[in-house]
Amino acid sequence: LEEQFRKEPFGWEFDMVKLLVLCLLRAGLIEVQSAGRSFDDARSMEAKTAFTNNTAFRQASFRPKETVDFAVVLQAAEAFKATFGKEAKELEQGKVAQDIRAELERQEQELQAMHTLLIRHNLPGEETFQQALDLARDVRGGKEEHTIQAFRSNHTTLKDAIQQASELKRNLDEPKLFSLQKAREVLRGPWAFLSTEPELPEDLKEAGARLKNLIEKESFHREVAEIVGNAALRESH
């Protein structure tokens, strides 16, 4: 925006660009996304941060505010069913937004639990859950129109994270977590030493590379048996 409106026939200074964008926000004509949050209220704390900090303003994005008609509400209701496996109670904007917020609030607990578990055990995938958590909070945090539009646009990301959380919860019991911890210890200990050996057996090289690859993938929980097998081969040497 700054670069475009600096040119002819406008010739606006940076502060003028900020002022006119803020006027559009105050008039309810645009939405702003800044620091991972969307907002359409010029009096909000997010707006204060975005418009009083030049760096934050330059990193923000702006889009025209769309009117939510029945077709959009219907799409959001279909996305609700695809994501949560159940119907919205009523096909009315306020009710659909309410259902979305309530279900996301419930799902956030599982997403947060998996995020915490992955960090605690130094396992991959926590970025996926952090992104989903940020998105869920953004969807729940705006007005009804924003909740409808944001959920309709981003429900696939939320659905994938919810499914992954459910799969992790089923697959990662205490014995498996212990086995994964032991495998990581093999990588940090015996393998860190063995991998420097010039005449390392080929099968051990392959086992080491395979173990490192498996344990760093987000799908590691599906490969626990193979991870343990490769870790055991290395320990035996």
Protein backbone atom coordinates (compact mmCIF):
# COMPACT_ATOMS: atom_id res chain seq x y z
CA LEU A 1 0.00 0.00 0.00
CA GLU A 2 2.75 2.42 0.93
CA GLU A 3 4.61 1.83 -2.33
CA GLN A 4 1.47 2.05 -4.51
CA PHE A 5 0.07 5.25 -3.03
CA ARG A 6 3.43 7.01 -2.94
CA LYS A 7 3.23 7.13 -6.76
CA GLU A 8 1.31 9.57 -8.91
CA PRO A 9 -1.48 10.61 -8.94
CA PHE A 10 -1.61 10.14 -5.15
CA GLY A 11 1.75 11.11 -3.68
CA TRP A 12 0.71 10.18 -0.13
CA GLU A 13 3.13 10.01 2.77
CA PHE A 14 3.25 6.88 4.92
CA ASP A 15 1.20 8.44 7.75
CA MET A 16 -1.53 9.40 5.28
CA VAL A 17 -1.71 5.78 4.06
CA LYS A 18 -2.10 4.57 7.65
CA LEU A 19 -4.78 7.17 8.37
CA LEU A 20 -6.89 6.29 5.34
CA VAL A 21 -6.57 2.53 5.96
CA LEU A 22 -7.66 3.13 9.55
CA CYS A 23 -10.67 5.09 8.23
CA LEU A 24 -11.64 2.09 6.09
CA LEU A 25 -11.35 -0.17 9.14
CA ARG A 26 -13.41 2.22 11.28
CA ALA A 27 -16.08 2.32 8.57
CA GLY A 28 -16.34 -1.48 8.64
CA LEU A 29 -15.18 -1.90 5.04
CA ILE A 30 -12.01 -3.97 5.57
CA GLU A 31 -10.54 -6.69 7.78
CA VAL A 32 -6.93 -6.74 8.98
CA GLN A 33 -4.67 -9.69 9.67
CA SER A 34 -1.68 -8.96 11.88
CA ALA A 35 0.54 -11.20 14.02
CA GLY A 36 -1.59 -14.23 13.22
CA ARG A 37 -4.87 -12.58 14.29
CA SER A 38 -7.71 -11.18 12.17
CA PHE A 39 -9.79 -8.25 13.39
CA ASP A 40 -12.33 -5.74 12.08
CA ASP A 41 -12.72 -3.48 15.13
CA ALA A 42 -10.73 -0.24 14.98
CA ARG A 43 -11.00 0.12 18.76
CA SER A 44 -9.46 -3.27 19.57
CA MET A 45 -6.06 -3.83 21.14
CA GLU A 46 -4.94 -5.61 17.95
CA ALA A 47 -5.76 -2.48 15.94
CA LYS A 48 -3.89 -0.28 18.39
CA THR A 49 -0.80 -2.47 18.03
CA ALA A 50 -0.99 -2.71 14.24
CA PHE A 51 -1.54 1.01 13.65
CA THR A 52 0.87 2.46 16.23
CA ASN A 53 3.80 0.23 15.27
CA ASN A 54 5.13 0.93 11.77
CA THR A 55 6.75 -2.49 11.46
CA ALA A 56 3.53 -4.24 12.46
CA PHE A 57 1.56 -2.12 9.98
CA ARG A 58 3.91 -2.96 7.12
CA GLN A 59 3.66 -6.68 7.94
CA ALA A 60 -0.13 -6.66 8.17
CA SER A 61 -2.47 -7.61 5.33
CA PHE A 62 -5.83 -6.09 4.46
CA ARG A 63 -8.86 -7.38 2.61
CA PRO A 64 -12.32 -6.03 1.80
CA LYS A 65 -14.89 -7.17 4.32
CA GLU A 66 -17.31 -9.59 2.73
CA THR A 67 -20.98 -9.76 3.46
CA VAL A 68 -22.08 -13.15 4.72
CA ASP A 69 -25.08 -14.36 2.73
CA PHE A 70 -26.98 -17.62 3.11
CA ALA A 71 -24.77 -19.44 0.58
CA VAL A 72 -21.70 -18.70 2.70
CA VAL A 73 -23.48 -19.79 5.89
CA LEU A 74 -24.46 -23.03 4.14
CA GLN A 75 -20.83 -23.63 3.09
CA ALA A 76 -19.69 -23.05 6.68
CA ALA A 77 -22.30 -25.54 7.89
CA GLU A 78 -21.05 -28.12 5.39
CA ALA A 79 -17.47 -27.45 6.55
CA PHE A 80 -18.67 -27.92 10.15
CA LYS A 81 -20.04 -31.37 9.30
CA ALA A 82 -16.88 -32.34 7.39
CA THR A 83 -14.66 -31.23 10.29
CA PHE A 84 -16.60 -32.42 13.34
CA GLY A 85 -18.78 -35.20 11.91
CA LYS A 86 -22.11 -33.71 12.95
CA GLU A 87 -24.67 -31.23 11.66
CA ALA A 88 -24.95 -27.62 12.72
CA LYS A 89 -28.11 -27.17 14.79
CA GLU A 90 -29.64 -24.46 12.59
CA LEU A 91 -28.73 -22.88 9.24
CA GLU A 92 -28.67 -19.35 10.61
CA GLN A 93 -25.56 -17.17 10.79
CA GLY A 94 -25.56 -16.67 14.55
CA LYS A 95 -26.33 -20.31 15.33
CA VAL A 96 -23.70 -21.69 12.95
CA ALA A 97 -21.09 -19.30 14.36
CA GLN A 98 -22.07 -20.36 17.88
CA ASP A 99 -21.75 -24.06 17.00
CA ILE A 100 -18.33 -23.48 15.41
CA ARG A 101 -17.02 -21.62 18.44
CA ALA A 102 -18.33 -24.18 20.93
CA GLU A 103 -16.87 -27.14 19.05
CA LEU A 104 -13.51 -25.44 18.50
CA GLU A 105 -13.28 -24.57 22.18
CA ARG A 106 -13.80 -28.23 23.02
CA GLN A 107 -11.28 -29.42 20.43
CA GLU A 108 -8.65 -26.91 21.58
CA GLN A 109 -8.18 -28.94 24.75
CA GLU A 110 -7.10 -32.00 22.75
CA LEU A 111 -4.93 -29.95 20.40
CA GLN A 112 -3.22 -28.28 23.37
CA ALA A 113 -2.69 -31.63 25.09
CA MET A 114 -0.97 -33.10 22.01
CA HIS A 115 1.08 -29.95 21.51
CA THR A 116 2.31 -30.14 25.10
CA LEU A 117 3.03 -33.88 24.86
CA LEU A 118 5.15 -33.50 21.71
CA ILE A 119 7.18 -30.68 23.23
CA ARG A 120 7.69 -32.57 26.51
CA HIS A 121 9.00 -35.65 24.72
CA ASN A 122 10.94 -33.75 22.03
CA LEU A 123 8.88 -35.28 19.22
CA PRO A 124 8.10 -33.72 15.81
CA GLY A 125 4.81 -32.11 14.85
CA GLU A 126 4.30 -29.46 17.50
CA GLU A 127 4.34 -26.72 14.81
CA THR A 128 1.26 -28.28 13.20
CA PHE A 129 -0.67 -28.11 16.46
CA GLN A 130 0.52 -24.60 17.26
CA GLN A 131 -0.73 -23.44 13.86
CA ALA A 132 -4.09 -25.13 14.45
CA LEU A 133 -4.38 -23.62 17.93
CA ASP A 134 -3.64 -20.12 16.63
CA LEU A 135 -6.16 -20.61 13.84
CA ALA A 136 -8.86 -21.95 16.18
CA ARG A 137 -8.43 -18.97 18.52
CA ASP A 138 -8.57 -16.57 15.60
CA VAL A 139 -11.78 -18.17 14.27
CA ARG A 140 -13.42 -18.02 17.71
CA GLY A 141 -12.21 -14.53 18.52
CA GLY A 142 -13.91 -12.39 15.87
CA LYS A 143 -17.46 -11.36 15.11
CA GLU A 144 -19.98 -13.82 13.69
CA GLU A 145 -19.11 -12.87 10.11
CA HIS A 146 -15.42 -13.45 10.74
CA THR A 147 -16.06 -16.80 12.44
CA ILE A 148 -18.14 -17.98 9.48
CA GLN A 149 -15.69 -16.78 6.82
CA ALA A 150 -12.50 -17.82 8.57
CA PHE A 151 -13.79 -21.29 9.42
CA ARG A 152 -15.12 -21.84 5.90
CA SER A 153 -11.69 -20.91 4.47
CA ASN A 154 -9.50 -22.81 6.95
CA HIS A 155 -11.53 -25.79 8.15
CA THR A 156 -9.32 -28.31 6.28
CA THR A 157 -6.28 -27.30 8.34
CA LEU A 158 -8.28 -27.64 11.54
CA LYS A 159 -9.79 -30.97 10.47
CA ASP A 160 -6.35 -32.46 9.70
CA ALA A 161 -4.95 -31.32 13.06
CA ILE A 162 -7.94 -32.72 14.96
CA GLN A 163 -7.61 -36.07 13.20
CA GLN A 164 -3.88 -36.14 13.88
CA ALA A 165 -4.47 -35.38 17.57
CA SER A 166 -6.95 -38.24 17.77
CA GLU A 167 -4.50 -40.61 16.10
CA LEU A 168 -1.67 -39.59 18.41
CA LYS A 169 -3.87 -40.06 21.45
CA ARG A 170 -4.72 -43.61 20.33
CA ASN A 171 -1.16 -44.60 19.42
CA LEU A 172 1.09 -42.97 22.00
CA ASP A 173 0.76 -44.85 25.27
CA GLU A 174 3.41 -44.77 28.00
CA PRO A 175 5.36 -47.86 26.78
CA LYS A 176 5.65 -46.40 23.27
CA LEU A 177 6.72 -43.03 24.60
CA PHE A 178 9.39 -44.79 26.66
CA SER A 179 10.58 -46.70 23.56
CA LEU A 180 10.77 -43.48 21.55
CA GLN A 181 12.77 -41.84 24.32
CA LYS A 182 15.23 -44.75 24.33
CA ALA A 183 15.56 -44.50 20.53
CA ARG A 184 16.41 -40.81 20.82
CA GLU A 185 19.02 -41.64 23.45
CA VAL A 186 20.58 -44.10 20.99
CA LEU A 187 20.81 -41.32 18.39
CA ARG A 188 22.39 -38.93 20.85
CA GLY A 189 24.71 -41.51 22.40
CA PRO A 190 25.92 -44.68 20.64
CA TRP A 191 25.05 -43.51 17.16
CA ALA A 192 26.77 -40.14 17.59
CA PHE A 193 29.96 -42.13 18.25
CA LEU A 194 29.48 -44.97 15.77
CA SER A 195 28.55 -42.73 12.84
CA THR A 196 32.10 -41.34 12.83
CA GLU A 197 33.67 -44.77 12.37
CA PRO A 198 35.27 -45.08 8.89
CA GLU A 199 34.51 -48.80 8.46
CA LEU A 200 30.97 -48.89 9.77
CA PRO A 201 28.99 -51.93 8.50
CA GLU A 202 26.53 -51.09 5.75
CA ASP A 203 23.53 -52.51 7.61
CA LEU A 204 24.32 -50.29 10.58
CA LYS A 205 24.63 -47.22 8.36
CA GLU A 206 21.24 -47.97 6.85
CA ALA A 207 19.69 -48.58 10.27
CA GLY A 208 21.05 -45.29 11.56
CA ALA A 209 19.79 -43.29 8.60
CA ARG A 210 16.42 -45.02 8.74
CA LEU A 211 16.03 -44.41 12.48
CA LYS A 212 16.87 -40.73 12.16
CA ASN A 213 14.44 -40.33 9.27
CA LEU A 214 11.58 -42.14 11.00
CA ILE A 215 11.86 -40.39 14.34
CA GLU A 216 11.93 -36.92 12.72
CA LYS A 217 8.75 -37.45 10.67
CA GLU A 218 5.36 -36.23 11.91
CA SER A 219 4.08 -39.75 11.19
CA PHE A 220 6.60 -41.24 13.67
CA HIS A 221 3.78 -42.68 15.81
CA ARG A 222 2.87 -45.09 13.00
CA GLU A 223 6.43 -46.46 12.85
CA VAL A 224 7.23 -47.14 16.51
CA ALA A 225 7.97 -50.84 15.95
CA GLU A 226 10.44 -50.10 13.15
CA ILE A 227 12.02 -47.27 15.16
CA VAL A 228 12.58 -49.64 18.08
CA GLY A 229 14.02 -52.30 15.75
CA ASN A 230 16.54 -49.93 14.20
CA ALA A 231 17.51 -48.56 17.62
CA ALA A 232 18.08 -52.11 18.89
CA LEU A 233 20.38 -52.92 15.93
CA ARG A 234 22.54 -49.93 16.76
CA GLU A 235 22.65 -50.74 20.45
CA SER A 236 23.80 -54.27 19.64
CA HIS A 237 26.92 -52.84 17.97
